[in-house]
Amino acid sequence: MPDITGNRALLTWRKLMKGFGEAASWIYFFIGIAVAYEIVSRYLFNSPTHWVEEMSRVGIVWATFGLLAPCLNQRQMIAITLLRNNASPRVGFSMDLLQLVAMFAVGVIVGWFAFAQMMQSIEMGRSTATTLALPYWVFHLALVVGFSLFALQAAIETVWLCLSGERLFDAEDSGEMH
């Protein structure tokens, strides 16, 4: 595997993606705390909140789509390795390249359409039909950011694969940086 220890940009990007992944994990943690608070408040004190459900929904959307790029960066995407592990190096390279190009395309397409929806929501002033009346662009922005970072991660890995002939990080290397 090519050595990237001297490549500050890739190492910084990897740390950034790891940070995004950890932030998403904390969002899920705080959603759990908020839901537990709602249960206690509703059933013990007969005083339900009006914010937990909607804020949990916002958190789930941001955490889920915010995890796309970090999962790809850390090689934690669901993978079917039966074919890849039994393929020749040339076929494996082609499979990796096709996979990364497809991920890039999905990231760009979904990111673009989410951006268009976000702009339309801003223009029309759409908001949720709850007491908080959160603007819908908050939800769309999560898709724009998540899929744009996903596309960027796929592009970085595609370029690395084409230049080096190997994936940027091995699956076994997913936990630690060089």
N, C-alpha and C. Protein backbone atom coordinates (compact mmCIF):
# COMPACT_ATOMS: atom_id res chain seq x y z
N MET A 1 0.83 -1.18 0.00
CA MET A 1 0.00 0.00 0.00
C MET A 1 0.88 1.25 0.00
N PRO A 2 0.59 2.21 -0.85
CA PRO A 2 1.39 3.44 -0.87
C PRO A 2 1.33 4.16 0.47
N ASP A 3 2.41 4.80 0.84
CA ASP A 3 2.51 5.49 2.11
C ASP A 3 1.92 6.90 1.98
N ILE A 4 0.99 7.24 2.85
CA ILE A 4 0.40 8.58 2.81
C ILE A 4 0.82 9.43 4.00
N THR A 5 1.75 8.94 4.81
CA THR A 5 2.11 9.66 6.02
C THR A 5 2.62 11.07 5.72
N GLY A 6 3.20 11.29 4.58
CA GLY A 6 3.70 12.62 4.23
C GLY A 6 2.64 13.51 3.59
N ASN A 7 1.48 12.98 3.32
CA ASN A 7 0.42 13.74 2.67
C ASN A 7 -0.49 14.36 3.72
N ARG A 8 -0.17 15.59 4.11
CA ARG A 8 -0.93 16.27 5.15
C ARG A 8 -2.40 16.46 4.78
N ALA A 9 -2.66 16.75 3.53
CA ALA A 9 -4.05 16.99 3.11
C ALA A 9 -4.91 15.75 3.32
N LEU A 10 -4.40 14.58 2.92
CA LEU A 10 -5.17 13.35 3.11
C LEU A 10 -5.33 13.01 4.59
N LEU A 11 -4.29 13.21 5.37
CA LEU A 11 -4.39 12.92 6.80
C LEU A 11 -5.34 13.89 7.49
N THR A 12 -5.31 15.16 7.10
CA THR A 12 -6.23 16.14 7.66
C THR A 12 -7.66 15.81 7.28
N TRP A 13 -7.87 15.43 6.01
CA TRP A 13 -9.20 15.04 5.55
C TRP A 13 -9.70 13.83 6.34
N ARG A 14 -8.83 12.88 6.56
CA ARG A 14 -9.21 11.67 7.31
C ARG A 14 -9.62 12.03 8.74
N LYS A 15 -8.86 12.92 9.38
CA LYS A 15 -9.21 13.37 10.74
C LYS A 15 -10.55 14.11 10.74
N LEU A 16 -10.76 14.94 9.72
CA LEU A 16 -12.02 15.67 9.61
C LEU A 16 -13.20 14.71 9.47
N MET A 17 -13.04 13.71 8.63
CA MET A 17 -14.11 12.72 8.44
C MET A 17 -14.36 11.92 9.71
N LYS A 18 -13.28 11.60 10.42
CA LYS A 18 -13.44 10.89 11.70
C LYS A 18 -14.20 11.77 12.68
N GLY A 19 -13.91 13.06 12.68
CA GLY A 19 -14.62 14.01 13.54
C GLY A 19 -16.10 14.11 13.19
N PHE A 20 -16.41 14.13 11.89
CA PHE A 20 -17.81 14.14 11.46
C PHE A 20 -18.53 12.89 11.95
N GLY A 21 -17.87 11.76 11.85
CA GLY A 21 -18.46 10.51 12.30
C GLY A 21 -18.72 10.52 13.80
N GLU A 22 -17.77 11.03 14.56
CA GLU A 22 -17.96 11.11 16.00
C GLU A 22 -19.07 12.10 16.36
N ALA A 23 -19.15 13.21 15.65
CA ALA A 23 -20.23 14.18 15.89
C ALA A 23 -21.60 13.54 15.64
N ALA A 24 -21.70 12.77 14.58
CA ALA A 24 -22.96 12.08 14.28
C ALA A 24 -23.30 11.09 15.39
N SER A 25 -22.32 10.41 15.91
CA SER A 25 -22.55 9.48 17.02
C SER A 25 -23.09 10.21 18.24
N TRP A 26 -22.54 11.37 18.52
CA TRP A 26 -23.03 12.16 19.65
C TRP A 26 -24.45 12.66 19.41
N ILE A 27 -24.77 12.99 18.17
CA ILE A 27 -26.14 13.41 17.87
C ILE A 27 -27.11 12.27 18.21
N TYR A 28 -26.77 11.05 17.80
CA TYR A 28 -27.62 9.91 18.15
C TYR A 28 -27.73 9.74 19.66
N PHE A 29 -26.64 9.93 20.36
CA PHE A 29 -26.65 9.83 21.83
C PHE A 29 -27.62 10.85 22.43
N PHE A 30 -27.52 12.10 21.97
CA PHE A 30 -28.40 13.14 22.52
C PHE A 30 -29.86 12.93 22.13
N ILE A 31 -30.10 12.33 20.98
CA ILE A 31 -31.47 11.97 20.61
C ILE A 31 -32.01 10.96 21.63
N GLY A 32 -31.21 9.98 21.99
CA GLY A 32 -31.61 9.00 23.01
C GLY A 32 -31.94 9.66 24.34
N ILE A 33 -31.12 10.62 24.75
CA ILE A 33 -31.36 11.36 26.00
C ILE A 33 -32.67 12.14 25.90
N ALA A 34 -32.89 12.81 24.77
CA ALA A 34 -34.10 13.61 24.59
C ALA A 34 -35.35 12.73 24.61
N VAL A 35 -35.29 11.59 23.95
CA VAL A 35 -36.44 10.68 23.92
C VAL A 35 -36.70 10.12 25.32
N ALA A 36 -35.65 9.78 26.05
CA ALA A 36 -35.83 9.31 27.43
C ALA A 36 -36.47 10.41 28.28
N TYR A 37 -36.03 11.65 28.09
CA TYR A 37 -36.62 12.79 28.80
C TYR A 37 -38.11 12.91 28.46
N GLU A 38 -38.43 12.76 27.20
CA GLU A 38 -39.83 12.86 26.77
C GLU A 38 -40.68 11.77 27.43
N ILE A 39 -40.16 10.56 27.51
CA ILE A 39 -40.90 9.46 28.12
C ILE A 39 -41.17 9.75 29.59
N VAL A 40 -40.14 10.19 30.30
CA VAL A 40 -40.30 10.52 31.72
C VAL A 40 -41.27 11.68 31.87
N SER A 41 -41.09 12.71 31.08
CA SER A 41 -41.94 13.89 31.17
C SER A 41 -43.40 13.57 30.85
N ARG A 42 -43.62 12.77 29.85
CA ARG A 42 -44.98 12.44 29.41
C ARG A 42 -45.68 11.48 30.37
N TYR A 43 -45.01 10.39 30.74
CA TYR A 43 -45.70 9.34 31.48
C TYR A 43 -45.57 9.46 33.00
N LEU A 44 -44.53 10.10 33.49
CA LEU A 44 -44.41 10.28 34.94
C LEU A 44 -45.03 11.59 35.42
N PHE A 45 -44.83 12.64 34.63
CA PHE A 45 -45.29 13.96 35.07
C PHE A 45 -46.48 14.47 34.25
N ASN A 46 -46.97 13.66 33.31
CA ASN A 46 -48.10 14.03 32.47
C ASN A 46 -47.90 15.42 31.84
N SER A 47 -46.67 15.67 31.39
CA SER A 47 -46.32 16.96 30.82
C SER A 47 -45.48 16.75 29.56
N PRO A 48 -46.13 16.35 28.47
CA PRO A 48 -45.36 16.09 27.25
C PRO A 48 -44.71 17.36 26.69
N THR A 49 -43.60 17.16 26.01
CA THR A 49 -42.91 18.29 25.39
C THR A 49 -43.43 18.47 23.97
N HIS A 50 -43.17 19.60 23.40
CA HIS A 50 -43.57 19.85 22.01
C HIS A 50 -42.36 19.89 21.08
N TRP A 51 -41.19 19.69 21.62
CA TRP A 51 -39.98 19.85 20.81
C TRP A 51 -39.20 18.57 20.56
N VAL A 52 -39.36 17.54 21.40
CA VAL A 52 -38.50 16.36 21.31
C VAL A 52 -38.66 15.63 19.98
N GLU A 53 -39.88 15.39 19.56
CA GLU A 53 -40.10 14.62 18.33
C GLU A 53 -39.46 15.31 17.13
N GLU A 54 -39.69 16.60 16.99
CA GLU A 54 -39.17 17.29 15.82
C GLU A 54 -37.65 17.47 15.87
N MET A 55 -37.12 17.77 17.04
CA MET A 55 -35.67 17.91 17.15
C MET A 55 -34.98 16.56 16.96
N SER A 56 -35.63 15.48 17.38
CA SER A 56 -35.08 14.15 17.14
C SER A 56 -35.06 13.85 15.65
N ARG A 57 -36.11 14.25 14.96
CA ARG A 57 -36.16 14.04 13.51
C ARG A 57 -35.03 14.81 12.81
N VAL A 58 -34.83 16.04 13.21
CA VAL A 58 -33.73 16.83 12.63
C VAL A 58 -32.39 16.16 12.92
N GLY A 59 -32.20 15.72 14.15
CA GLY A 59 -30.95 15.06 14.52
C GLY A 59 -30.71 13.78 13.75
N ILE A 60 -31.76 12.99 13.57
CA ILE A 60 -31.62 11.73 12.83
C ILE A 60 -31.24 12.01 11.38
N VAL A 61 -31.87 13.00 10.76
CA VAL A 61 -31.55 13.32 9.37
C VAL A 61 -30.10 13.79 9.25
N TRP A 62 -29.69 14.71 10.12
CA TRP A 62 -28.32 15.23 10.05
C TRP A 62 -27.29 14.14 10.36
N ALA A 63 -27.54 13.34 11.39
CA ALA A 63 -26.57 12.30 11.75
C ALA A 63 -26.48 11.24 10.66
N THR A 64 -27.61 10.83 10.12
CA THR A 64 -27.60 9.76 9.12
C THR A 64 -26.87 10.19 7.85
N PHE A 65 -27.23 11.34 7.31
CA PHE A 65 -26.60 11.76 6.06
C PHE A 65 -25.20 12.32 6.29
N GLY A 66 -24.93 12.78 7.51
CA GLY A 66 -23.59 13.22 7.85
C GLY A 66 -22.60 12.07 7.98
N LEU A 67 -23.11 10.85 8.11
CA LEU A 67 -22.25 9.68 8.24
C LEU A 67 -21.82 9.08 6.91
N LEU A 68 -22.38 9.52 5.80
CA LEU A 68 -22.05 8.91 4.52
C LEU A 68 -20.55 8.99 4.21
N ALA A 69 -20.01 10.19 4.20
CA ALA A 69 -18.59 10.36 3.86
C ALA A 69 -17.67 9.72 4.90
N PRO A 70 -17.92 9.91 6.21
CA PRO A 70 -17.05 9.24 7.18
C PRO A 70 -17.07 7.72 7.06
N CYS A 71 -18.22 7.14 6.77
CA CYS A 71 -18.27 5.67 6.61
C CYS A 71 -17.46 5.23 5.40
N LEU A 72 -17.54 5.96 4.31
CA LEU A 72 -16.73 5.62 3.14
C LEU A 72 -15.25 5.83 3.45
N ASN A 73 -14.93 6.92 4.11
CA ASN A 73 -13.54 7.22 4.45
C ASN A 73 -12.94 6.16 5.36
N GLN A 74 -13.70 5.68 6.31
CA GLN A 74 -13.21 4.70 7.27
C GLN A 74 -13.43 3.27 6.79
N ARG A 75 -13.89 3.11 5.55
CA ARG A 75 -14.15 1.79 4.94
C ARG A 75 -15.14 0.99 5.78
N GLN A 76 -16.22 1.66 6.21
CA GLN A 76 -17.23 1.01 7.02
C GLN A 76 -18.57 0.92 6.30
N MET A 77 -18.54 1.02 4.99
CA MET A 77 -19.75 0.82 4.21
C MET A 77 -20.02 -0.67 4.12
N ILE A 78 -21.27 -1.01 3.97
CA ILE A 78 -21.61 -2.42 3.79
C ILE A 78 -20.98 -2.88 2.48
N ALA A 79 -20.28 -3.99 2.53
CA ALA A 79 -19.59 -4.49 1.35
C ALA A 79 -19.83 -5.99 1.21
N ILE A 80 -19.96 -6.41 0.00
CA ILE A 80 -20.04 -7.83 -0.29
C ILE A 80 -18.68 -8.22 -0.84
N THR A 81 -17.92 -8.92 -0.04
CA THR A 81 -16.52 -9.17 -0.37
C THR A 81 -16.29 -10.51 -1.06
N LEU A 82 -17.31 -11.32 -1.18
CA LEU A 82 -17.12 -12.64 -1.78
C LEU A 82 -16.52 -12.53 -3.19
N LEU A 83 -17.11 -11.68 -4.02
CA LEU A 83 -16.58 -11.50 -5.38
C LEU A 83 -15.24 -10.80 -5.37
N ARG A 84 -15.13 -9.73 -4.58
CA ARG A 84 -13.91 -8.92 -4.57
C ARG A 84 -12.70 -9.73 -4.08
N ASN A 85 -12.90 -10.51 -3.05
CA ASN A 85 -11.78 -11.27 -2.49
C ASN A 85 -11.31 -12.39 -3.40
N ASN A 86 -12.17 -12.86 -4.27
CA ASN A 86 -11.81 -13.96 -5.17
C ASN A 86 -11.48 -13.49 -6.59
N ALA A 87 -11.42 -12.18 -6.77
CA ALA A 87 -11.14 -11.64 -8.10
C ALA A 87 -9.64 -11.41 -8.29
N SER A 88 -9.23 -11.39 -9.54
CA SER A 88 -7.84 -11.07 -9.85
C SER A 88 -7.60 -9.59 -9.52
N PRO A 89 -6.35 -9.18 -9.39
CA PRO A 89 -6.07 -7.77 -9.09
C PRO A 89 -6.69 -6.81 -10.12
N ARG A 90 -6.63 -7.17 -11.38
CA ARG A 90 -7.18 -6.29 -12.43
C ARG A 90 -8.70 -6.17 -12.30
N VAL A 91 -9.36 -7.31 -12.09
CA VAL A 91 -10.82 -7.29 -11.93
C VAL A 91 -11.19 -6.55 -10.64
N GLY A 92 -10.43 -6.78 -9.56
CA GLY A 92 -10.67 -6.09 -8.30
C GLY A 92 -10.54 -4.59 -8.45
N PHE A 93 -9.50 -4.15 -9.17
CA PHE A 93 -9.31 -2.73 -9.44
C PHE A 93 -10.52 -2.18 -10.18
N SER A 94 -10.98 -2.89 -11.20
CA SER A 94 -12.13 -2.44 -11.99
C SER A 94 -13.39 -2.37 -11.13
N MET A 95 -13.57 -3.34 -10.26
CA MET A 95 -14.74 -3.34 -9.38
C MET A 95 -14.68 -2.14 -8.42
N ASP A 96 -13.51 -1.89 -7.84
CA ASP A 96 -13.35 -0.76 -6.93
C ASP A 96 -13.61 0.56 -7.66
N LEU A 97 -13.06 0.68 -8.86
CA LEU A 97 -13.23 1.90 -9.64
C LEU A 97 -14.70 2.12 -9.98
N LEU A 98 -15.36 1.10 -10.46
CA LEU A 98 -16.78 1.21 -10.80
C LEU A 98 -17.61 1.60 -9.58
N GLN A 99 -17.32 0.98 -8.47
CA GLN A 99 -18.03 1.28 -7.23
C GLN A 99 -17.84 2.73 -6.82
N LEU A 100 -16.61 3.21 -6.85
CA LEU A 100 -16.34 4.59 -6.45
C LEU A 100 -16.95 5.60 -7.41
N VAL A 101 -16.91 5.32 -8.70
CA VAL A 101 -17.53 6.22 -9.69
C VAL A 101 -19.04 6.27 -9.48
N ALA A 102 -19.65 5.12 -9.18
CA ALA A 102 -21.09 5.09 -8.92
C ALA A 102 -21.42 5.90 -7.66
N MET A 103 -20.60 5.75 -6.62
CA MET A 103 -20.84 6.52 -5.39
C MET A 103 -20.70 8.01 -5.65
N PHE A 104 -19.70 8.39 -6.44
CA PHE A 104 -19.53 9.79 -6.79
C PHE A 104 -20.76 10.31 -7.53
N ALA A 105 -21.24 9.54 -8.49
CA ALA A 105 -22.41 9.95 -9.27
C ALA A 105 -23.64 10.11 -8.38
N VAL A 106 -23.85 9.15 -7.50
CA VAL A 106 -25.00 9.24 -6.58
C VAL A 106 -24.87 10.48 -5.70
N GLY A 107 -23.68 10.72 -5.16
CA GLY A 107 -23.47 11.89 -4.31
C GLY A 107 -23.76 13.19 -5.03
N VAL A 108 -23.28 13.30 -6.26
CA VAL A 108 -23.50 14.53 -7.04
C VAL A 108 -24.98 14.69 -7.38
N ILE A 109 -25.61 13.63 -7.86
CA ILE A 109 -27.01 13.72 -8.28
C ILE A 109 -27.93 14.03 -7.10
N VAL A 110 -27.80 13.27 -6.02
CA VAL A 110 -28.68 13.50 -4.87
C VAL A 110 -28.36 14.86 -4.24
N GLY A 111 -27.08 15.21 -4.13
CA GLY A 111 -26.71 16.51 -3.59
C GLY A 111 -27.30 17.65 -4.40
N TRP A 112 -27.27 17.53 -5.73
CA TRP A 112 -27.82 18.57 -6.60
C TRP A 112 -29.32 18.70 -6.44
N PHE A 113 -30.02 17.58 -6.45
CA PHE A 113 -31.48 17.63 -6.32
C PHE A 113 -31.89 18.10 -4.92
N ALA A 114 -31.14 17.73 -3.91
CA ALA A 114 -31.42 18.22 -2.56
C ALA A 114 -31.21 19.72 -2.48
N PHE A 115 -30.17 20.21 -3.17
CA PHE A 115 -29.93 21.66 -3.21
C PHE A 115 -31.10 22.37 -3.89
N ALA A 116 -31.57 21.82 -5.00
CA ALA A 116 -32.71 22.42 -5.70
C ALA A 116 -33.95 22.43 -4.79
N GLN A 117 -34.19 21.33 -4.08
CA GLN A 117 -35.32 21.28 -3.15
C GLN A 117 -35.15 22.28 -2.01
N MET A 118 -33.93 22.42 -1.52
CA MET A 118 -33.66 23.36 -0.45
C MET A 118 -33.96 24.79 -0.90
N MET A 119 -33.50 25.13 -2.10
CA MET A 119 -33.75 26.48 -2.62
C MET A 119 -35.24 26.72 -2.82
N GLN A 120 -35.96 25.71 -3.30
CA GLN A 120 -37.40 25.83 -3.47
C GLN A 120 -38.10 26.00 -2.12
N SER A 121 -37.64 25.27 -1.12
CA SER A 121 -38.23 25.40 0.22
C SER A 121 -37.99 26.78 0.80
N ILE A 122 -36.81 27.32 0.57
CA ILE A 122 -36.51 28.68 1.04
C ILE A 122 -37.40 29.69 0.32
N GLU A 123 -37.47 29.55 -0.99
CA GLU A 123 -38.27 30.47 -1.81
C GLU A 123 -39.74 30.46 -1.41
N MET A 124 -40.27 29.28 -1.14
CA MET A 124 -41.69 29.15 -0.82
C MET A 124 -41.96 29.32 0.68
N GLY A 125 -40.92 29.33 1.49
CA GLY A 125 -41.09 29.49 2.92
C GLY A 125 -41.72 28.27 3.60
N ARG A 126 -41.44 27.08 3.08
CA ARG A 126 -42.01 25.86 3.65
C ARG A 126 -41.48 25.62 5.06
N SER A 127 -42.37 25.14 5.91
CA SER A 127 -41.97 24.77 7.26
C SER A 127 -42.82 23.59 7.71
N THR A 128 -42.36 22.96 8.78
CA THR A 128 -43.09 21.81 9.31
C THR A 128 -44.41 22.26 9.93
N ALA A 129 -45.37 21.37 9.96
CA ALA A 129 -46.69 21.68 10.51
C ALA A 129 -46.75 21.31 11.99
N THR A 130 -45.81 21.86 12.75
CA THR A 130 -45.75 21.60 14.19
C THR A 130 -45.65 22.93 14.91
N THR A 131 -45.66 22.88 16.23
CA THR A 131 -45.55 24.14 16.99
C THR A 131 -44.20 24.82 16.78
N LEU A 132 -43.16 24.05 16.47
CA LEU A 132 -41.86 24.66 16.22
C LEU A 132 -41.77 25.30 14.84
N ALA A 133 -42.54 24.77 13.90
CA ALA A 133 -42.56 25.27 12.52
C ALA A 133 -41.15 25.46 11.96
N LEU A 134 -40.35 24.40 12.06
CA LEU A 134 -38.98 24.46 11.53
C LEU A 134 -39.01 24.58 10.01
N PRO A 135 -38.15 25.40 9.45
CA PRO A 135 -38.10 25.49 7.99
C PRO A 135 -37.57 24.19 7.39
N TYR A 136 -38.18 23.78 6.28
CA TYR A 136 -37.78 22.53 5.64
C TYR A 136 -36.37 22.56 5.10
N TRP A 137 -35.83 23.74 4.81
CA TRP A 137 -34.49 23.79 4.26
C TRP A 137 -33.46 23.20 5.22
N VAL A 138 -33.77 23.17 6.52
CA VAL A 138 -32.87 22.57 7.51
C VAL A 138 -32.67 21.09 7.20
N PHE A 139 -33.76 20.42 6.81
CA PHE A 139 -33.68 19.00 6.47
C PHE A 139 -32.95 18.80 5.13
N HIS A 140 -33.27 19.64 4.15
CA HIS A 140 -32.63 19.52 2.84
C HIS A 140 -31.13 19.81 2.91
N LEU A 141 -30.76 20.76 3.76
CA LEU A 141 -29.34 21.10 3.88
C LEU A 141 -28.52 19.90 4.36
N ALA A 142 -29.11 19.07 5.21
CA ALA A 142 -28.41 17.86 5.67
C ALA A 142 -28.08 16.95 4.49
N LEU A 143 -29.00 16.84 3.54
CA LEU A 143 -28.75 16.01 2.35
C LEU A 143 -27.71 16.66 1.46
N VAL A 144 -27.78 17.97 1.30
CA VAL A 144 -26.80 18.68 0.47
C VAL A 144 -25.40 18.47 1.03
N VAL A 145 -25.23 18.71 2.31
CA VAL A 145 -23.91 18.56 2.95
C VAL A 145 -23.46 17.10 2.92
N GLY A 146 -24.33 16.20 3.34
CA GLY A 146 -23.98 14.79 3.42
C GLY A 146 -23.59 14.19 2.09
N PHE A 147 -24.40 14.42 1.06
CA PHE A 147 -24.11 13.82 -0.24
C PHE A 147 -22.97 14.55 -0.96
N SER A 148 -22.78 15.83 -0.71
CA SER A 148 -21.64 16.54 -1.30
C SER A 148 -20.33 16.02 -0.72
N LEU A 149 -20.29 15.84 0.59
CA LEU A 149 -19.08 15.27 1.21
C LEU A 149 -18.86 13.83 0.76
N PHE A 150 -19.95 13.09 0.58
CA PHE A 150 -19.86 11.71 0.08
C PHE A 150 -19.25 11.69 -1.32
N ALA A 151 -19.72 12.60 -2.18
CA ALA A 151 -19.18 12.69 -3.54
C ALA A 151 -17.70 13.08 -3.50
N LEU A 152 -17.36 14.03 -2.65
CA LEU A 152 -15.96 14.46 -2.53
C LEU A 152 -15.08 13.31 -2.04
N GLN A 153 -15.57 12.56 -1.05
CA GLN A 153 -14.80 11.41 -0.55
C GLN A 153 -14.62 10.37 -1.66
N ALA A 154 -15.68 10.10 -2.41
CA ALA A 154 -15.57 9.14 -3.51
C ALA A 154 -14.60 9.64 -4.57
N ALA A 155 -14.61 10.94 -4.85
CA ALA A 155 -13.68 11.51 -5.83
C ALA A 155 -12.24 11.38 -5.36
N ILE A 156 -11.99 11.68 -4.10
CA ILE A 156 -10.64 11.55 -3.54
C ILE A 156 -10.16 10.11 -3.67
N GLU A 157 -11.02 9.18 -3.30
CA GLU A 157 -10.63 7.77 -3.37
C GLU A 157 -10.46 7.29 -4.81
N THR A 158 -11.26 7.82 -5.72
CA THR A 158 -11.13 7.45 -7.13
C THR A 158 -9.80 7.92 -7.69
N VAL A 159 -9.43 9.16 -7.40
CA VAL A 159 -8.16 9.70 -7.88
C VAL A 159 -7.00 8.88 -7.29
N TRP A 160 -7.08 8.59 -5.99
CA TRP A 160 -6.02 7.80 -5.36
C TRP A 160 -5.90 6.42 -5.99
N LEU A 161 -7.06 5.80 -6.23
CA LEU A 161 -7.07 4.47 -6.84
C LEU A 161 -6.43 4.51 -8.23
N CYS A 162 -6.75 5.51 -9.00
CA CYS A 162 -6.19 5.62 -10.36
C CYS A 162 -4.70 5.91 -10.34
N LEU A 163 -4.24 6.69 -9.37
CA LEU A 163 -2.82 7.03 -9.30
C LEU A 163 -1.97 5.91 -8.70
N SER A 164 -2.53 5.20 -7.71
CA SER A 164 -1.72 4.21 -7.00
C SER A 164 -2.08 2.76 -7.33
N GLY A 165 -3.28 2.56 -7.85
CA GLY A 165 -3.73 1.21 -8.13
C GLY A 165 -4.32 0.50 -6.92
N GLU A 166 -4.39 1.20 -5.79
CA GLU A 166 -4.93 0.61 -4.55
C GLU A 166 -5.90 1.57 -3.90
N ARG A 167 -6.80 1.02 -3.07
CA ARG A 167 -7.71 1.86 -2.32
C ARG A 167 -6.92 2.71 -1.33
N LEU A 168 -7.47 3.83 -0.97
CA LEU A 168 -6.78 4.78 -0.10
C LEU A 168 -6.45 4.17 1.26
N PHE A 169 -7.41 3.49 1.85
CA PHE A 169 -7.18 2.84 3.14
C PHE A 169 -7.70 1.43 3.05
N ASP A 170 -6.98 0.50 3.64
CA ASP A 170 -7.44 -0.87 3.70
C ASP A 170 -8.58 -0.97 4.69
N ALA A 171 -9.43 -1.97 4.51
CA ALA A 171 -10.52 -2.20 5.46
C ALA A 171 -9.97 -2.45 6.86
N GLU A 172 -8.84 -3.13 6.96
CA GLU A 172 -8.23 -3.41 8.27
C GLU A 172 -7.68 -2.14 8.89
N ASP A 173 -7.41 -1.13 8.07
CA ASP A 173 -6.81 0.12 8.52
C ASP A 173 -7.87 1.12 8.93
N SER A 174 -9.15 0.72 8.92
CA SER A 174 -10.23 1.67 9.12
C SER A 174 -10.22 2.35 10.48
N GLY A 175 -9.64 1.74 11.48
CA GLY A 175 -9.69 2.32 12.81
C GLY A 175 -8.58 3.30 13.10
N GLU A 176 -7.45 3.16 12.50
CA GLU A 176 -6.30 3.98 12.84
C GLU A 176 -5.69 4.62 11.60
N MET A 177 -5.14 5.81 11.81
CA MET A 177 -4.43 6.48 10.73
C MET A 177 -2.97 6.07 10.79
N HIS A 178 -2.28 6.22 9.69
CA HIS A 178 -0.85 5.90 9.64
C HIS A 178 -0.07 6.87 10.47
